[in-house]
Amino acid sequence: MATYRDIQEDVRRRYGRAIKTCWIAHVTELNGLDLRPAPNRLSAAKRVNPCPPDVRPLIEDSMRRLGML
């Protein structure tokens, strides 16, 4: 399974965009994959930085390419 860093590097290499790990976690959750609890997350019910709609397809494409979806 790919790591968040692998996804970040893949998106940066293919699309020239820098993405946040919280965006990857949000897309992971939206696609029904399990998340581990983050020790620095303030609230389990609320996202401080949700993934922007224009970045979601880039992350999902990278996740498919790396075998996560």
Protein backbone atom coordinates (compact mmCIF):
# COMPACT_ATOMS: atom_id res chain seq x y z
CA MET A 1 0.00 0.00 0.00
CA ALA A 2 1.22 3.48 -0.84
CA THR A 3 2.04 6.05 1.82
CA TYR A 4 0.82 9.64 1.92
CA ARG A 5 4.32 10.74 0.89
CA ASP A 6 4.15 8.45 -2.17
CA ILE A 7 0.85 10.07 -3.15
CA GLN A 8 2.24 13.57 -2.59
CA GLU A 9 5.28 12.85 -4.76
CA ASP A 10 3.16 11.25 -7.51
CA VAL A 11 0.79 14.25 -7.68
CA ARG A 12 3.73 16.67 -7.62
CA ARG A 13 5.53 14.79 -10.40
CA ARG A 14 2.49 14.36 -12.67
CA TYR A 15 0.53 17.56 -12.08
CA GLY A 16 2.99 19.99 -10.48
CA ARG A 17 0.72 20.51 -7.47
CA ALA A 18 1.76 20.35 -3.85
CA ILE A 19 -0.93 18.71 -1.72
CA LYS A 20 -1.50 18.46 2.01
CA THR A 21 -1.68 15.17 3.88
CA CYS A 22 -5.01 16.26 5.41
CA TRP A 23 -6.42 16.43 1.88
CA ILE A 24 -5.29 12.85 1.25
CA ALA A 25 -6.93 11.76 4.51
CA HIS A 26 -10.17 13.48 3.50
CA VAL A 27 -10.22 11.78 0.07
CA THR A 28 -9.40 8.46 1.73
CA GLU A 29 -12.37 8.89 4.05
CA LEU A 30 -14.68 9.96 1.19
CA ASN A 31 -13.80 6.75 -0.66
CA GLY A 32 -14.69 4.58 2.34
CA LEU A 33 -11.18 3.47 3.28
CA ASP A 34 -10.23 3.07 6.93
CA LEU A 35 -8.26 5.80 8.66
CA ARG A 36 -6.18 5.55 11.76
CA PRO A 37 -6.86 8.22 14.40
CA ALA A 38 -4.40 11.10 14.12
CA PRO A 39 -2.92 12.15 17.46
CA ASN A 40 -2.96 15.83 16.49
CA ARG A 41 -6.57 15.95 15.24
CA LEU A 42 -8.67 18.29 17.33
CA SER A 43 -12.11 16.86 16.56
CA ALA A 44 -13.10 13.55 15.01
CA ALA A 45 -16.32 15.07 13.67
CA LYS A 46 -14.93 18.20 12.01
CA ARG A 47 -12.27 18.76 9.32
CA VAL A 48 -10.22 21.94 9.59
CA ASN A 49 -8.80 21.67 6.03
CA PRO A 50 -11.10 19.65 3.75
CA CYS A 51 -9.83 18.74 0.31
CA PRO A 52 -10.66 21.32 -2.39
CA PRO A 53 -12.97 19.93 -5.09
CA ASP A 54 -10.45 20.64 -7.88
CA VAL A 55 -7.70 18.61 -6.16
CA ARG A 56 -9.80 15.52 -5.34
CA PRO A 57 -9.59 13.98 -8.86
CA LEU A 58 -5.79 14.36 -8.84
CA ILE A 59 -5.48 12.54 -5.52
CA GLU A 60 -7.93 9.81 -6.55
CA ASP A 61 -6.05 9.29 -9.83
CA SER A 62 -2.79 8.92 -7.92
CA MET A 63 -4.41 6.54 -5.42
CA ARG A 64 -5.70 4.36 -8.27
CA ARG A 65 -2.29 4.35 -9.94
CA LEU A 66 -0.62 3.34 -6.67
CA GLY A 67 -3.16 0.59 -5.91
CA MET A 68 -5.07 2.15 -3.02
CA LEU A 69 -8.41 2.36 -4.85
